[in-house]
PDB file of all heavy atoms in Angstrom:
ATOM      1  N   TYR A   1     -30.050  20.971 -95.588  1.00  0.00           N
ATOM      2  CA  TYR A   1     -30.192  22.245 -96.314  1.00  0.00           C
ATOM      3  C   TYR A   1     -31.000  23.264 -95.497  1.00  0.00           C
ATOM      4  O   TYR A   1     -30.688  24.450 -95.508  1.00  0.00           O
ATOM      5  CB  TYR A   1     -30.863  21.970 -97.651  1.00  0.00           C
ATOM      6  CG  TYR A   1     -30.797  23.143 -98.619  1.00  0.00           C
ATOM      7  CD1 TYR A   1     -29.724  23.309 -99.470  1.00  0.00           C
ATOM      8  CD2 TYR A   1     -31.840  24.101 -98.657  1.00  0.00           C
ATOM      9  CE1 TYR A   1     -29.677  24.388-100.379  1.00  0.00           C
ATOM     10  CE2 TYR A   1     -31.801  25.170 -99.504  1.00  0.00           C
ATOM     11  CZ  TYR A   1     -30.735  25.289-100.396  1.00  0.00           C
ATOM     12  OH  TYR A   1     -30.712  26.365-101.264  1.00  0.00           O
ATOM     13  N   LEU A   2     -32.016  22.756 -94.838  1.00  0.00           N
ATOM     14  CA  LEU A   2     -32.824  23.640 -93.999  1.00  0.00           C
ATOM     15  C   LEU A   2     -32.048  24.000 -92.706  1.00  0.00           C
ATOM     16  O   LEU A   2     -32.099  25.159 -92.270  1.00  0.00           O
ATOM     17  CB  LEU A   2     -34.134  22.962 -93.621  1.00  0.00           C
ATOM     18  CG  LEU A   2     -35.084  22.625 -94.764  1.00  0.00           C
ATOM     19  CD1 LEU A   2     -36.297  21.867 -94.292  1.00  0.00           C
ATOM     20  CD2 LEU A   2     -35.515  23.903 -95.475  1.00  0.00           C
ATOM     21  N   ARG A   3     -31.352  23.095 -92.121  1.00  0.00           N
ATOM     22  CA  ARG A   3     -30.581  23.387 -90.893  1.00  0.00           C
ATOM     23  C   ARG A   3     -29.442  24.334 -91.130  1.00  0.00           C
ATOM     24  O   ARG A   3     -28.901  24.937 -90.177  1.00  0.00           O
ATOM     25  CB  ARG A   3     -30.055  22.077 -90.292  1.00  0.00           C
ATOM     26  CG  ARG A   3     -31.123  21.210 -89.695  1.00  0.00           C
ATOM     27  CD  ARG A   3     -30.507  20.073 -88.946  1.00  0.00           C
ATOM     28  NE  ARG A   3     -31.494  19.159 -88.343  1.00  0.00           N
ATOM     29  CZ  ARG A   3     -31.242  18.131 -87.586  1.00  0.00           C
ATOM     30  NH1 ARG A   3     -29.959  17.832 -87.299  1.00  0.00           N
ATOM     31  NH2 ARG A   3     -32.197  17.380 -87.093  1.00  0.00           N
ATOM     32  N   ALA A   4     -29.028  24.518 -92.389  1.00  0.00           N
ATOM     33  CA  ALA A   4     -27.952  25.451 -92.680  1.00  0.00           C
ATOM     34  C   ALA A   4     -28.327  26.882 -92.254  1.00  0.00           C
ATOM     35  O   ALA A   4     -27.432  27.675 -91.969  1.00  0.00           O
ATOM     36  CB  ALA A   4     -27.634  25.439 -94.183  1.00  0.00           C
ATOM     37  N   ASP A   5     -29.646  27.173 -92.172  1.00  0.00           N
ATOM     38  CA  ASP A   5     -30.058  28.486 -91.744  1.00  0.00           C
ATOM     39  C   ASP A   5     -29.679  28.763 -90.283  1.00  0.00           C
ATOM     40  O   ASP A   5     -29.711  29.926 -89.846  1.00  0.00           O
ATOM     41  CB  ASP A   5     -31.582  28.622 -91.932  1.00  0.00           C
ATOM     42  CG  ASP A   5     -31.973  28.742 -93.388  1.00  0.00           C
ATOM     43  OD1 ASP A   5     -31.131  29.175 -94.202  1.00  0.00           O
ATOM     44  OD2 ASP A   5     -33.129  28.370 -93.694  1.00  0.00           O
ATOM     45  N   LEU A   6     -29.356  27.712 -89.537  1.00  0.00           N
ATOM     46  CA  LEU A   6     -28.968  27.886 -88.139  1.00  0.00           C
ATOM     47  C   LEU A   6     -27.567  28.434 -87.989  1.00  0.00           C
ATOM     48  O   LEU A   6     -27.213  28.913 -86.921  1.00  0.00           O
ATOM     49  CB  LEU A   6     -29.091  26.544 -87.392  1.00  0.00           C
ATOM     50  CG  LEU A   6     -30.473  25.879 -87.376  1.00  0.00           C
ATOM     51  CD1 LEU A   6     -30.399  24.542 -86.682  1.00  0.00           C
ATOM     52  CD2 LEU A   6     -31.498  26.771 -86.706  1.00  0.00           C
ATOM     53  N   LEU A   7     -26.770  28.343 -89.107  1.00  0.00           N
ATOM     54  CA  LEU A   7     -25.416  28.825 -89.057  1.00  0.00           C
ATOM     55  C   LEU A   7     -25.403  30.356 -89.332  1.00  0.00           C
ATOM     56  O   LEU A   7     -26.377  30.910 -89.847  1.00  0.00           O
ATOM     57  CB  LEU A   7     -24.568  28.081 -90.106  1.00  0.00           C
ATOM     58  CG  LEU A   7     -24.463  26.546 -89.907  1.00  0.00           C
ATOM     59  CD1 LEU A   7     -23.793  25.956 -91.157  1.00  0.00           C
ATOM     60  CD2 LEU A   7     -23.622  26.263 -88.660  1.00  0.00           C
ATOM     61  N   PRO A   8     -24.273  30.995 -89.099  1.00  0.00           N
ATOM     62  CA  PRO A   8     -24.123  32.403 -89.532  1.00  0.00           C
ATOM     63  C   PRO A   8     -24.400  32.523 -91.025  1.00  0.00           C
ATOM     64  O   PRO A   8     -24.171  31.567 -91.780  1.00  0.00           O
ATOM     65  CB  PRO A   8     -22.676  32.728 -89.176  1.00  0.00           C
ATOM     66  CG  PRO A   8     -22.353  31.805 -88.025  1.00  0.00           C
ATOM     67  CD  PRO A   8     -23.136  30.541 -88.319  1.00  0.00           C
ATOM     68  N   ALA A   9     -24.848  33.682 -91.450  1.00  0.00           N
ATOM     69  CA  ALA A   9     -25.325  33.917 -92.833  1.00  0.00           C
ATOM     70  C   ALA A   9     -24.280  33.473 -93.862  1.00  0.00           C
ATOM     71  O   ALA A   9     -24.607  32.784 -94.815  1.00  0.00           O
ATOM     72  CB  ALA A   9     -25.708  35.356 -93.028  1.00  0.00           C
ATOM     73  N   ALA A  10     -23.056  33.880 -93.704  1.00  0.00           N
ATOM     74  CA  ALA A  10     -22.010  33.591 -94.685  1.00  0.00           C
ATOM     75  C   ALA A  10     -21.743  32.070 -94.738  1.00  0.00           C
ATOM     76  O   ALA A  10     -21.655  31.455 -95.835  1.00  0.00           O
ATOM     77  CB  ALA A  10     -20.750  34.330 -94.371  1.00  0.00           C
ATOM     78  N   ASP A  11     -21.691  31.455 -93.591  1.00  0.00           N
ATOM     79  CA  ASP A  11     -21.473  29.984 -93.565  1.00  0.00           C
ATOM     80  C   ASP A  11     -22.661  29.243 -94.109  1.00  0.00           C
ATOM     81  O   ASP A  11     -22.524  28.201 -94.751  1.00  0.00           O
ATOM     82  CB  ASP A  11     -21.192  29.566 -92.113  1.00  0.00           C
ATOM     83  CG  ASP A  11     -19.891  30.156 -91.569  1.00  0.00           C
ATOM     84  OD1 ASP A  11     -18.862  30.087 -92.256  1.00  0.00           O
ATOM     85  OD2 ASP A  11     -19.926  30.704 -90.495  1.00  0.00           O
ATOM     86  N   ALA A  12     -23.876  29.752 -93.823  1.00  0.00           N
ATOM     87  CA  ALA A  12     -25.086  29.070 -94.304  1.00  0.00           C
ATOM     88  C   ALA A  12     -25.103  29.082 -95.828  1.00  0.00           C
ATOM     89  O   ALA A  12     -25.441  28.083 -96.478  1.00  0.00           O
ATOM     90  CB  ALA A  12     -26.309  29.765 -93.756  1.00  0.00           C
ATOM     91  N   ALA A  13     -24.747  30.256 -96.434  1.00  0.00           N
ATOM     92  CA  ALA A  13     -24.743  30.300 -97.866  1.00  0.00           C
ATOM     93  C   ALA A  13     -23.720  29.353 -98.506  1.00  0.00           C
ATOM     94  O   ALA A  13     -23.990  28.716 -99.505  1.00  0.00           O
ATOM     95  CB  ALA A  13     -24.465  31.768 -98.325  1.00  0.00           C
ATOM     96  N   LYS A  14     -22.597  29.220 -97.852  1.00  0.00           N
ATOM     97  CA  LYS A  14     -21.571  28.310 -98.342  1.00  0.00           C
ATOM     98  C   LYS A  14     -22.008  26.879 -98.248  1.00  0.00           C
ATOM     99  O   LYS A  14     -21.804  26.103 -99.229  1.00  0.00           O
ATOM    100  CB  LYS A  14     -20.289  28.504 -97.549  1.00  0.00           C
ATOM    101  CG  LYS A  14     -19.098  27.614 -97.974  1.00  0.00           C
ATOM    102  CD  LYS A  14     -17.895  27.850 -97.128  1.00  0.00           C
ATOM    103  CE  LYS A  14     -16.749  26.933 -97.578  1.00  0.00           C
ATOM    104  NZ  LYS A  14     -15.521  27.112 -96.773  1.00  0.00           N
ATOM    105  N   VAL A  15     -22.623  26.503 -97.146  1.00  0.00           N
ATOM    106  CA  VAL A  15     -23.072  25.127 -96.963  1.00  0.00           C
ATOM    107  C   VAL A  15     -24.165  24.796 -97.958  1.00  0.00           C
ATOM    108  O   VAL A  15     -24.167  23.690 -98.580  1.00  0.00           O
ATOM    109  CB  VAL A  15     -23.592  24.933 -95.536  1.00  0.00           C
ATOM    110  CG1 VAL A  15     -24.317  23.608 -95.396  1.00  0.00           C
ATOM    111  CG2 VAL A  15     -22.449  24.995 -94.538  1.00  0.00           C
ATOM    112  N   ARG A  16     -25.078  25.699 -98.206  1.00  0.00           N
ATOM    113  CA  ARG A  16     -26.166  25.428 -99.156  1.00  0.00           C
ATOM    114  C   ARG A  16     -25.613  25.269-100.577  1.00  0.00           C
ATOM    115  O   ARG A  16     -26.060  24.409-101.338  1.00  0.00           O
ATOM    116  CB  ARG A  16     -27.211  26.546 -99.096  1.00  0.00           C
ATOM    117  CG  ARG A  16     -28.110  26.531 -97.921  1.00  0.00           C
ATOM    118  CD  ARG A  16     -29.354  27.401 -98.109  1.00  0.00           C
ATOM    119  NE  ARG A  16     -28.923  28.802 -98.129  1.00  0.00           N
ATOM    120  CZ  ARG A  16     -28.940  29.583 -97.045  1.00  0.00           C
ATOM    121  NH1 ARG A  16     -29.315  29.123 -95.873  1.00  0.00           N
ATOM    122  NH2 ARG A  16     -28.551  30.879 -97.161  1.00  0.00           N
ATOM    123  N   GLY A  17     -24.651  26.106-100.940  1.00  0.00           N
ATOM    124  CA  GLY A  17     -24.058  25.963-102.269  1.00  0.00           C
ATOM    125  C   GLY A  17     -23.307  24.637-102.398  1.00  0.00           C
ATOM    126  O   GLY A  17     -23.416  23.969-103.450  1.00  0.00           O
ATOM    127  N   LEU A  18     -22.568  24.190-101.358  1.00  0.00           N
ATOM    128  CA  LEU A  18     -21.884  22.924-101.424  1.00  0.00           C
ATOM    129  C   LEU A  18     -22.867  21.761-101.474  1.00  0.00           C
ATOM    130  O   LEU A  18     -22.618  20.764-102.151  1.00  0.00           O
ATOM    131  CB  LEU A  18     -20.964  22.799-100.216  1.00  0.00           C
ATOM    132  CG  LEU A  18     -19.704  23.687-100.209  1.00  0.00           C
ATOM    133  CD1 LEU A  18     -18.988  23.577 -98.874  1.00  0.00           C
ATOM    134  CD2 LEU A  18     -18.761  23.270-101.346  1.00  0.00           C
ATOM    135  N   LEU A  19     -23.991  21.873-100.726  1.00  0.00           N
ATOM    136  CA  LEU A  19     -24.978  20.792-100.711  1.00  0.00           C
ATOM    137  C   LEU A  19     -25.605  20.620-102.121  1.00  0.00           C
ATOM    138  O   LEU A  19     -25.906  19.510-102.534  1.00  0.00           O
ATOM    139  CB  LEU A  19     -26.063  21.121 -99.708  1.00  0.00           C
ATOM    140  CG  LEU A  19     -25.733  20.814 -98.227  1.00  0.00           C
ATOM    141  CD1 LEU A  19     -26.844  21.304 -97.292  1.00  0.00           C
ATOM    142  CD2 LEU A  19     -25.494  19.302 -98.016  1.00  0.00           C
ATOM    143  N   LYS A  20     -25.820  21.700-102.841  1.00  0.00           N
ATOM    144  CA  LYS A  20     -26.349  21.600-104.208  1.00  0.00           C
ATOM    145  C   LYS A  20     -25.377  20.858-105.101  1.00  0.00           C
ATOM    146  O   LYS A  20     -25.779  19.999-105.868  1.00  0.00           O
ATOM    147  CB  LYS A  20     -26.675  22.981-104.759  1.00  0.00           C
ATOM    148  CG  LYS A  20     -27.878  23.664-104.142  1.00  0.00           C
ATOM    149  CD  LYS A  20     -28.137  25.021-104.755  1.00  0.00           C
ATOM    150  CE  LYS A  20     -29.365  25.676-104.146  1.00  0.00           C
ATOM    151  NZ  LYS A  20     -29.613  27.001-104.748  1.00  0.00           N
ATOM    152  N   GLN A  21     -24.078  21.171-104.956  1.00  0.00           N
ATOM    153  CA  GLN A  21     -23.092  20.488-105.756  1.00  0.00           C
ATOM    154  C   GLN A  21     -23.035  18.992-105.359  1.00  0.00           C
ATOM    155  O   GLN A  21     -22.931  18.118-106.234  1.00  0.00           O
ATOM    156  CB  GLN A  21     -21.735  21.112-105.583  1.00  0.00           C
ATOM    157  CG  GLN A  21     -21.603  22.568-106.028  1.00  0.00           C
ATOM    158  CD  GLN A  21     -20.234  23.140-105.783  1.00  0.00           C
ATOM    159  OE1 GLN A  21     -19.192  22.460-105.977  1.00  0.00           O
ATOM    160  NE2 GLN A  21     -20.188  24.358-105.301  1.00  0.00           N
ATOM    161  N   TYR A  22     -23.097  18.767-104.081  1.00  0.00           N
ATOM    162  CA  TYR A  22     -23.070  17.398-103.568  1.00  0.00           C
ATOM    163  C   TYR A  22     -24.266  16.599-104.049  1.00  0.00           C
ATOM    164  O   TYR A  22     -24.159  15.417-104.439  1.00  0.00           O
ATOM    165  CB  TYR A  22     -23.024  17.398-102.060  1.00  0.00           C
ATOM    166  CG  TYR A  22     -22.940  16.065-101.376  1.00  0.00           C
ATOM    167  CD1 TYR A  22     -21.747  15.340-101.366  1.00  0.00           C
ATOM    168  CD2 TYR A  22     -24.077  15.504-100.781  1.00  0.00           C
ATOM    169  CE1 TYR A  22     -21.686  14.112-100.753  1.00  0.00           C
ATOM    170  CE2 TYR A  22     -24.004  14.277-100.174  1.00  0.00           C
ATOM    171  CZ  TYR A  22     -22.803  13.569-100.138  1.00  0.00           C
ATOM    172  OH  TYR A  22     -22.735  12.342 -99.560  1.00  0.00           O
ATOM    173  N   LEU A  23     -25.400  17.227-104.066  1.00  0.00           N
ATOM    174  CA  LEU A  23     -26.640  16.599-104.535  1.00  0.00           C
ATOM    175  C   LEU A  23     -26.513  16.218-105.976  1.00  0.00           C
ATOM    176  O   LEU A  23     -26.946  15.085-106.409  1.00  0.00           O
ATOM    177  CB  LEU A  23     -27.850  17.518-104.329  1.00  0.00           C
ATOM    178  CG  LEU A  23     -29.206  17.034-104.765  1.00  0.00           C
ATOM    179  CD1 LEU A  23     -29.553  15.740-104.083  1.00  0.00           C
ATOM    180  CD2 LEU A  23     -30.250  18.103-104.480  1.00  0.00           C
ATOM    181  N   ASP A  24     -25.901  17.054-106.801  1.00  0.00           N
ATOM    182  CA  ASP A  24     -25.703  16.731-108.208  1.00  0.00           C
ATOM    183  C   ASP A  24     -24.824  15.513-108.389  1.00  0.00           C
ATOM    184  O   ASP A  24     -25.049  14.672-109.254  1.00  0.00           O
ATOM    185  CB  ASP A  24     -25.078  17.938-108.937  1.00  0.00           C
ATOM    186  CG  ASP A  24     -26.047  19.109-109.079  1.00  0.00           C
ATOM    187  OD1 ASP A  24     -27.290  18.839-109.027  1.00  0.00           O
ATOM    188  OD2 ASP A  24     -25.611  20.230-109.238  1.00  0.00           O
ATOM    189  N   GLN A  25     -23.786  15.412-107.579  1.00  0.00           N
ATOM    190  CA  GLN A  25     -22.864  14.266-107.637  1.00  0.00           C
ATOM    191  C   GLN A  25     -23.578  12.974-107.242  1.00  0.00           C
ATOM    192  O   GLN A  25     -23.359  11.919-107.807  1.00  0.00           O
ATOM    193  CB  GLN A  25     -21.643  14.506-106.748  1.00  0.00           C
ATOM    194  CG  GLN A  25     -20.725  15.603-107.243  1.00  0.00           C
ATOM    195  CD  GLN A  25     -20.141  15.302-108.621  1.00  0.00           C
ATOM    196  OE1 GLN A  25     -19.733  14.184-108.914  1.00  0.00           O
ATOM    197  NE2 GLN A  25     -20.132  16.294-109.484  1.00  0.00           N
ATOM    198  N   ARG A  26     -24.458  13.064-106.227  1.00  0.00           N
ATOM    199  CA  ARG A  26     -25.172  11.846-105.802  1.00  0.00           C
ATOM    200  C   ARG A  26     -26.162  11.378-106.898  1.00  0.00           C
ATOM    201  O   ARG A  26     -26.302  10.195-107.074  1.00  0.00           O
ATOM    202  CB  ARG A  26     -25.941  12.181-104.478  1.00  0.00           C
ATOM    203  CG  ARG A  26     -25.086  12.514-103.316  1.00  0.00           C
ATOM    204  CD  ARG A  26     -23.981  11.478-103.102  1.00  0.00           C
ATOM    205  NE  ARG A  26     -24.537  10.147-102.840  1.00  0.00           N
ATOM    206  CZ  ARG A  26     -23.938   9.005-103.150  1.00  0.00           C
ATOM    207  NH1 ARG A  26     -22.773   9.038-103.760  1.00  0.00           N
ATOM    208  NH2 ARG A  26     -24.510   7.856-102.879  1.00  0.00           N
ATOM    209  N   ILE A  27     -26.754  12.308-107.591  1.00  0.00           N
ATOM    210  CA  ILE A  27     -27.640  11.895-108.684  1.00  0.00           C
ATOM    211  C   ILE A  27     -26.820  11.216-109.792  1.00  0.00           C
ATOM    212  O   ILE A  27     -27.254  10.191-110.345  1.00  0.00           O
ATOM    213  CB  ILE A  27     -28.366  13.150-109.214  1.00  0.00           C
ATOM    214  CG1 ILE A  27     -29.370  13.666-108.190  1.00  0.00           C
ATOM    215  CG2 ILE A  27     -29.122  12.809-110.533  1.00  0.00           C
ATOM    216  CD1 ILE A  27     -30.034  14.966-108.555  1.00  0.00           C
TER     217      ILE A  27
END
């Protein structure tokens, strides 16, 4: 989630959003 900031802004926002959804599924 922190390393997503290394990507371009639009891609970083997409990755962070997907990671939140993924985290919910893992819980």
